[in-house]
Amino acid sequence: MAAQDKPPTETRSLWRTVRAVAWGFLGIRKRSGFEDDLAKISPLHVIAVGLVAAALFVGVLILIVRQVVAA
């Protein structure tokens, strides 16, 4: 069995997924970091965290606009 065929030994943590999504929002990432995350996180977790992050982002923007318009 080649080294690439082995399953990842590190657990798929929520924190790793949040970090990967945050880097995705910023658009800055080393290729090695991206490949590492690709091997160690679940696509379903990325989708879930991405949707929550997008909802939070939109919510913060709405709050900022309300504060600016009210002033």
PDB file of N, CA and C in Angstrom:
ATOM      1  N   MET A   1       0.853  -1.181   0.000  1.00  0.00           N
ATOM      2  CA  MET A   1       0.000   0.000   0.000  1.00  0.00           C
ATOM      3  C   MET A   1       0.894   1.238   0.000  1.00  0.00           C
ATOM      4  N   ALA A   2       0.705   2.125  -0.941  1.00  0.00           N
ATOM      5  CA  ALA A   2       1.513   3.335  -1.050  1.00  0.00           C
ATOM      6  C   ALA A   2       1.120   4.325   0.036  1.00  0.00           C
ATOM      7  N   ALA A   3       2.013   5.275   0.287  1.00  0.00           N
ATOM      8  CA  ALA A   3       1.757   6.268   1.338  1.00  0.00           C
ATOM      9  C   ALA A   3       0.531   7.115   1.016  1.00  0.00           C
ATOM     10  N   GLN A   4       0.244   7.321  -0.262  1.00  0.00           N
ATOM     11  CA  GLN A   4      -0.901   8.143  -0.636  1.00  0.00           C
ATOM     12  C   GLN A   4      -2.221   7.409  -0.458  1.00  0.00           C
ATOM     13  N   ASP A   5      -2.205   6.082  -0.408  1.00  0.00           N
ATOM     14  CA  ASP A   5      -3.433   5.302  -0.284  1.00  0.00           C
ATOM     15  C   ASP A   5      -3.913   5.167   1.148  1.00  0.00           C
ATOM     16  N   LYS A   6      -3.082   5.528   2.099  1.00  0.00           N
ATOM     17  CA  LYS A   6      -3.465   5.400   3.508  1.00  0.00           C
ATOM     18  C   LYS A   6      -4.489   6.468   3.867  1.00  0.00           C
ATOM     19  N   PRO A   7      -5.467   6.102   4.704  1.00  0.00           N
ATOM     20  CA  PRO A   7      -6.435   7.114   5.141  1.00  0.00           C
ATOM     21  C   PRO A   7      -5.756   8.102   6.078  1.00  0.00           C
ATOM     22  N   PRO A   8      -6.259   9.330   6.143  1.00  0.00           N
ATOM     23  CA  PRO A   8      -5.640  10.319   7.032  1.00  0.00           C
ATOM     24  C   PRO A   8      -5.766   9.887   8.485  1.00  0.00           C
ATOM     25  N   THR A   9      -4.687  10.089   9.227  1.00  0.00           N
ATOM     26  CA  THR A   9      -4.688   9.699  10.631  1.00  0.00           C
ATOM     27  C   THR A   9      -5.269  10.794  11.513  1.00  0.00           C
ATOM     28  N   GLU A  10      -5.209  12.030  11.040  1.00  0.00           N
ATOM     29  CA  GLU A  10      -5.737  13.141  11.822  1.00  0.00           C
ATOM     30  C   GLU A  10      -7.260  13.182  11.689  1.00  0.00           C
ATOM     31  N   THR A  11      -7.936  13.468  12.783  1.00  0.00           N
ATOM     32  CA  THR A  11      -9.395  13.498  12.754  1.00  0.00           C
ATOM     33  C   THR A  11      -9.880  14.719  11.980  1.00  0.00           C
ATOM     34  N   ARG A  12     -11.063  14.607  11.450  1.00  0.00           N
ATOM     35  CA  ARG A  12     -11.683  15.698  10.712  1.00  0.00           C
ATOM     36  C   ARG A  12     -12.347  16.634  11.697  1.00  0.00           C
ATOM     37  N   SER A  13     -11.630  17.649  12.099  1.00  0.00           N
ATOM     38  CA  SER A  13     -12.134  18.525  13.142  1.00  0.00           C
ATOM     39  C   SER A  13     -12.904  19.703  12.560  1.00  0.00           C
ATOM     40  N   LEU A  14     -13.786  20.222  13.347  1.00  0.00           N
ATOM     41  CA  LEU A  14     -14.565  21.389  12.960  1.00  0.00           C
ATOM     42  C   LEU A  14     -13.640  22.592  12.767  1.00  0.00           C
ATOM     43  N   TRP A  15     -12.656  22.721  13.630  1.00  0.00           N
ATOM     44  CA  TRP A  15     -11.739  23.857  13.548  1.00  0.00           C
ATOM     45  C   TRP A  15     -10.972  23.860  12.224  1.00  0.00           C
ATOM     46  N   ARG A  16     -10.530  22.692  11.764  1.00  0.00           N
ATOM     47  CA  ARG A  16      -9.810  22.594  10.493  1.00  0.00           C
ATOM     48  C   ARG A  16     -10.728  23.026   9.346  1.00  0.00           C
ATOM     49  N   THR A  17     -11.990  22.633   9.406  1.00  0.00           N
ATOM     50  CA  THR A  17     -12.946  23.004   8.367  1.00  0.00           C
ATOM     51  C   THR A  17     -13.209  24.503   8.385  1.00  0.00           C
ATOM     52  N   VAL A  18     -13.371  25.070   9.565  1.00  0.00           N
ATOM     53  CA  VAL A  18     -13.603  26.516   9.684  1.00  0.00           C
ATOM     54  C   VAL A  18     -12.413  27.283   9.114  1.00  0.00           C
ATOM     55  N   ARG A  19     -11.206  26.839   9.427  1.00  0.00           N
ATOM     56  CA  ARG A  19     -10.011  27.497   8.889  1.00  0.00           C
ATOM     57  C   ARG A  19      -9.961  27.411   7.369  1.00  0.00           C
ATOM     58  N   ALA A  20     -10.282  26.253   6.830  1.00  0.00           N
ATOM     59  CA  ALA A  20     -10.260  26.074   5.372  1.00  0.00           C
ATOM     60  C   ALA A  20     -11.288  26.985   4.695  1.00  0.00           C
ATOM     61  N   VAL A  21     -12.476  27.094   5.279  1.00  0.00           N
ATOM     62  CA  VAL A  21     -13.513  27.960   4.712  1.00  0.00           C
ATOM     63  C   VAL A  21     -13.100  29.427   4.829  1.00  0.00           C
ATOM     64  N   ALA A  22     -12.504  29.808   5.943  1.00  0.00           N
ATOM     65  CA  ALA A  22     -12.041  31.187   6.115  1.00  0.00           C
ATOM     66  C   ALA A  22     -10.982  31.536   5.074  1.00  0.00           C
ATOM     67  N   TRP A  23     -10.048  30.639   4.844  1.00  0.00           N
ATOM     68  CA  TRP A  23      -9.043  30.865   3.794  1.00  0.00           C
ATOM     69  C   TRP A  23      -9.719  30.971   2.434  1.00  0.00           C
ATOM     70  N   GLY A  24     -10.761  30.188   2.219  1.00  0.00           N
ATOM     71  CA  GLY A  24     -11.495  30.253   0.961  1.00  0.00           C
ATOM     72  C   GLY A  24     -12.193  31.594   0.770  1.00  0.00           C
ATOM     73  N   PHE A  25     -12.740  32.141   1.844  1.00  0.00           N
ATOM     74  CA  PHE A  25     -13.387  33.448   1.766  1.00  0.00           C
ATOM     75  C   PHE A  25     -12.367  34.528   1.438  1.00  0.00           C
ATOM     76  N   LEU A  26     -11.170  34.399   2.005  1.00  0.00           N
ATOM     77  CA  LEU A  26     -10.122  35.381   1.737  1.00  0.00           C
ATOM     78  C   LEU A  26      -9.490  35.183   0.365  1.00  0.00           C
ATOM     79  N   GLY A  27      -9.483  33.960  -0.113  1.00  0.00           N
ATOM     80  CA  GLY A  27      -8.897  33.679  -1.418  1.00  0.00           C
ATOM     81  C   GLY A  27      -7.393  33.576  -1.399  1.00  0.00           C
ATOM     82  N   ILE A  28      -6.811  33.399  -0.216  1.00  0.00           N
ATOM     83  CA  ILE A  28      -5.358  33.287  -0.085  1.00  0.00           C
ATOM     84  C   ILE A  28      -5.056  31.915   0.497  1.00  0.00           C
ATOM     85  N   ARG A  29      -4.258  31.136  -0.202  1.00  0.00           N
ATOM     86  CA  ARG A  29      -3.944  29.803   0.309  1.00  0.00           C
ATOM     87  C   ARG A  29      -2.752  29.231  -0.433  1.00  0.00           C
ATOM     88  N   LYS A  30      -1.848  28.626   0.309  1.00  0.00           N
ATOM     89  CA  LYS A  30      -0.755  27.892  -0.322  1.00  0.00           C
ATOM     90  C   LYS A  30      -1.305  26.607  -0.909  1.00  0.00           C
ATOM     91  N   ARG A  31      -0.739  26.172  -1.993  1.00  0.00           N
ATOM     92  CA  ARG A  31      -1.203  24.952  -2.638  1.00  0.00           C
ATOM     93  C   ARG A  31      -1.040  23.749  -1.718  1.00  0.00           C
ATOM     94  N   SER A  32       0.040  23.705  -0.962  1.00  0.00           N
ATOM     95  CA  SER A  32       0.264  22.570  -0.064  1.00  0.00           C
ATOM     96  C   SER A  32      -0.791  22.536   1.040  1.00  0.00           C
ATOM     97  N   GLY A  33      -1.170  23.693   1.548  1.00  0.00           N
ATOM     98  CA  GLY A  33      -2.213  23.753   2.568  1.00  0.00           C
ATOM     99  C   GLY A  33      -3.560  23.327   2.026  1.00  0.00           C
ATOM    100  N   PHE A  34      -3.847  23.743   0.807  1.00  0.00           N
ATOM    101  CA  PHE A  34      -5.098  23.350   0.159  1.00  0.00           C
ATOM    102  C   PHE A  34      -5.157  21.838  -0.031  1.00  0.00           C
ATOM    103  N   GLU A  35      -4.069  21.259  -0.523  1.00  0.00           N
ATOM    104  CA  GLU A  35      -4.034  19.811  -0.746  1.00  0.00           C
ATOM    105  C   GLU A  35      -4.145  19.044   0.571  1.00  0.00           C
ATOM    106  N   ASP A  36      -3.543  19.579   1.620  1.00  0.00           N
ATOM    107  CA  ASP A  36      -3.630  18.948   2.936  1.00  0.00           C
ATOM    108  C   ASP A  36      -5.073  18.967   3.438  1.00  0.00           C
ATOM    109  N   ASP A  37      -5.730  20.108   3.307  1.00  0.00           N
ATOM    110  CA  ASP A  37      -7.125  20.210   3.732  1.00  0.00           C
ATOM    111  C   ASP A  37      -8.030  19.322   2.892  1.00  0.00           C
ATOM    112  N   LEU A  38      -7.758  19.258   1.607  1.00  0.00           N
ATOM    113  CA  LEU A  38      -8.556  18.448   0.701  1.00  0.00           C
ATOM    114  C   LEU A  38      -8.547  16.984   1.128  1.00  0.00           C
ATOM    115  N   ALA A  39      -7.427  16.528   1.638  1.00  0.00           N
ATOM    116  CA  ALA A  39      -7.308  15.137   2.055  1.00  0.00           C
ATOM    117  C   ALA A  39      -7.907  14.879   3.433  1.00  0.00           C
ATOM    118  N   LYS A  40      -8.043  15.926   4.252  1.00  0.00           N
ATOM    119  CA  LYS A  40      -8.396  15.701   5.650  1.00  0.00           C
ATOM    120  C   LYS A  40      -9.756  16.212   6.081  1.00  0.00           C
ATOM    121  N   ILE A  41     -10.477  16.910   5.221  1.00  0.00           N
ATOM    122  CA  ILE A  41     -11.790  17.399   5.645  1.00  0.00           C
ATOM    123  C   ILE A  41     -12.875  16.876   4.710  1.00  0.00           C
ATOM    124  N   SER A  42     -14.075  16.816   5.245  1.00  0.00           N
ATOM    125  CA  SER A  42     -15.217  16.281   4.514  1.00  0.00           C
ATOM    126  C   SER A  42     -15.888  17.379   3.687  1.00  0.00           C
ATOM    127  N   PRO A  43     -16.241  17.089   2.448  1.00  0.00           N
ATOM    128  CA  PRO A  43     -16.935  18.088   1.629  1.00  0.00           C
ATOM    129  C   PRO A  43     -18.264  18.546   2.234  1.00  0.00           C
ATOM    130  N   LEU A  44     -18.967  17.646   2.894  1.00  0.00           N
ATOM    131  CA  LEU A  44     -20.231  18.041   3.528  1.00  0.00           C
ATOM    132  C   LEU A  44     -20.008  19.039   4.655  1.00  0.00           C
ATOM    133  N   HIS A  45     -18.929  18.861   5.400  1.00  0.00           N
ATOM    134  CA  HIS A  45     -18.605  19.809   6.468  1.00  0.00           C
ATOM    135  C   HIS A  45     -18.261  21.174   5.875  1.00  0.00           C
ATOM    136  N   VAL A  46     -17.540  21.175   4.764  1.00  0.00           N
ATOM    137  CA  VAL A  46     -17.176  22.434   4.117  1.00  0.00           C
ATOM    138  C   VAL A  46     -18.428  23.172   3.648  1.00  0.00           C
ATOM    139  N   ILE A  47     -19.368  22.453   3.072  1.00  0.00           N
ATOM    140  CA  ILE A  47     -20.611  23.076   2.606  1.00  0.00           C
ATOM    141  C   ILE A  47     -21.387  23.655   3.782  1.00  0.00           C
ATOM    142  N   ALA A  48     -21.508  22.893   4.865  1.00  0.00           N
ATOM    143  CA  ALA A  48     -22.262  23.358   6.038  1.00  0.00           C
ATOM    144  C   ALA A  48     -21.607  24.589   6.656  1.00  0.00           C
ATOM    145  N   VAL A  49     -20.311  24.538   6.867  1.00  0.00           N
ATOM    146  CA  VAL A  49     -19.606  25.674   7.468  1.00  0.00           C
ATOM    147  C   VAL A  49     -19.639  26.870   6.520  1.00  0.00           C
ATOM    148  N   GLY A  50     -19.536  26.633   5.223  1.00  0.00           N
ATOM    149  CA  GLY A  50     -19.597  27.723   4.249  1.00  0.00           C
ATOM    150  C   GLY A  50     -20.946  28.424   4.260  1.00  0.00           C
ATOM    151  N   LEU A  51     -22.022  27.663   4.355  1.00  0.00           N
ATOM    152  CA  LEU A  51     -23.354  28.270   4.416  1.00  0.00           C
ATOM    153  C   LEU A  51     -23.545  29.098   5.689  1.00  0.00           C
ATOM    154  N   VAL A  52     -23.070  28.573   6.799  1.00  0.00           N
ATOM    155  CA  VAL A  52     -23.173  29.318   8.068  1.00  0.00           C
ATOM    156  C   VAL A  52     -22.323  30.587   7.993  1.00  0.00           C
ATOM    157  N   ALA A  53     -21.116  30.481   7.464  1.00  0.00           N
ATOM    158  CA  ALA A  53     -20.242  31.652   7.345  1.00  0.00           C
ATOM    159  C   ALA A  53     -20.849  32.702   6.419  1.00  0.00           C
ATOM    160  N   ALA A  54     -21.437  32.277   5.318  1.00  0.00           N
ATOM    161  CA  ALA A  54     -22.071  33.218   4.390  1.00  0.00           C
ATOM    162  C   ALA A  54     -23.261  33.910   5.052  1.00  0.00           C
ATOM    163  N   ALA A  55     -24.050  33.156   5.812  1.00  0.00           N
ATOM    164  CA  ALA A  55     -25.193  33.743   6.515  1.00  0.00           C
ATOM    165  C   ALA A  55     -24.722  34.770   7.551  1.00  0.00           C
ATOM    166  N   LEU A  56     -23.665  34.452   8.270  1.00  0.00           N
ATOM    167  CA  LEU A  56     -23.105  35.400   9.249  1.00  0.00           C
ATOM    168  C   LEU A  56     -22.580  36.653   8.547  1.00  0.00           C
ATOM    169  N   PHE A  57     -21.917  36.464   7.427  1.00  0.00           N
ATOM    170  CA  PHE A  57     -21.383  37.597   6.673  1.00  0.00           C
ATOM    171  C   PHE A  57     -22.513  38.522   6.215  1.00  0.00           C
ATOM    172  N   VAL A  58     -23.559  37.955   5.667  1.00  0.00           N
ATOM    173  CA  VAL A  58     -24.705  38.753   5.213  1.00  0.00           C
ATOM    174  C   VAL A  58     -25.372  39.438   6.406  1.00  0.00           C
ATOM    175  N   GLY A  59     -25.505  38.732   7.522  1.00  0.00           N
ATOM    176  CA  GLY A  59     -26.095  39.325   8.718  1.00  0.00           C
ATOM    177  C   GLY A  59     -25.301  40.523   9.227  1.00  0.00           C
ATOM    178  N   VAL A  60     -23.984  40.396   9.234  1.00  0.00           N
ATOM    179  CA  VAL A  60     -23.134  41.513   9.674  1.00  0.00           C
ATOM    180  C   VAL A  60     -23.265  42.686   8.711  1.00  0.00           C
ATOM    181  N   LEU A  61     -23.307  42.409   7.416  1.00  0.00           N
ATOM    182  CA  LEU A  61     -23.486  43.493   6.452  1.00  0.00           C
ATOM    183  C   LEU A  61     -24.820  44.210   6.653  1.00  0.00           C
ATOM    184  N   ILE A  62     -25.873  43.463   6.916  1.00  0.00           N
ATOM    185  CA  ILE A  62     -27.188  44.069   7.156  1.00  0.00           C
ATOM    186  C   ILE A  62     -27.149  44.953   8.404  1.00  0.00           C
ATOM    187  N   LEU A  63     -26.497  44.478   9.456  1.00  0.00           N
ATOM    188  CA  LEU A  63     -26.378  45.286  10.677  1.00  0.00           C
ATOM    189  C   LEU A  63     -25.590  46.567  10.429  1.00  0.00           C
ATOM    190  N   ILE A  64     -24.523  46.477   9.663  1.00  0.00           N
ATOM    191  CA  ILE A  64     -23.722  47.663   9.355  1.00  0.00           C
ATOM    192  C   ILE A  64     -24.547  48.673   8.550  1.00  0.00           C
ATOM    193  N   VAL A  65     -25.264  48.184   7.558  1.00  0.00           N
ATOM    194  CA  VAL A  65     -26.089  49.088   6.733  1.00  0.00           C
ATOM    195  C   VAL A  65     -27.170  49.734   7.577  1.00  0.00           C
ATOM    196  N   ARG A  66     -27.805  48.997   8.458  1.00  0.00           N
ATOM    197  CA  ARG A  66     -28.843  49.589   9.330  1.00  0.00           C
ATOM    198  C   ARG A  66     -28.259  50.673  10.224  1.00  0.00           C
ATOM    199  N   GLN A  67     -27.046  50.453  10.747  1.00  0.00           N
ATOM    200  CA  GLN A  67     -26.417  51.440  11.608  1.00  0.00           C
ATOM    201  C   GLN A  67     -26.074  52.708  10.809  1.00  0.00           C
ATOM    202  N   VAL A  68     -25.585  52.536   9.605  1.00  0.00           N
ATOM    203  CA  VAL A  68     -25.206  53.685   8.786  1.00  0.00           C
ATOM    204  C   VAL A  68     -26.443  54.461   8.353  1.00  0.00           C
ATOM    205  N   VAL A  69     -27.506  53.783   7.975  1.00  0.00           N
ATOM    206  CA  VAL A  69     -28.723  54.464   7.524  1.00  0.00           C
ATOM    207  C   VAL A  69     -29.425  55.156   8.692  1.00  0.00           C
ATOM    208  N   ALA A  70     -29.370  54.586   9.872  1.00  0.00           N
ATOM    209  CA  ALA A  70     -30.026  55.179  11.033  1.00  0.00           C
ATOM    210  C   ALA A  70     -29.311  56.442  11.518  1.00  0.00           C
ATOM    211  N   ALA A  71     -28.053  56.564  11.215  1.00  0.00           N
ATOM    212  CA  ALA A  71     -27.276  57.723  11.706  1.00  0.00           C
ATOM    213  C   ALA A  71     -27.510  58.969  10.894  1.00  0.00           C
TER     214      ALA A  71
END
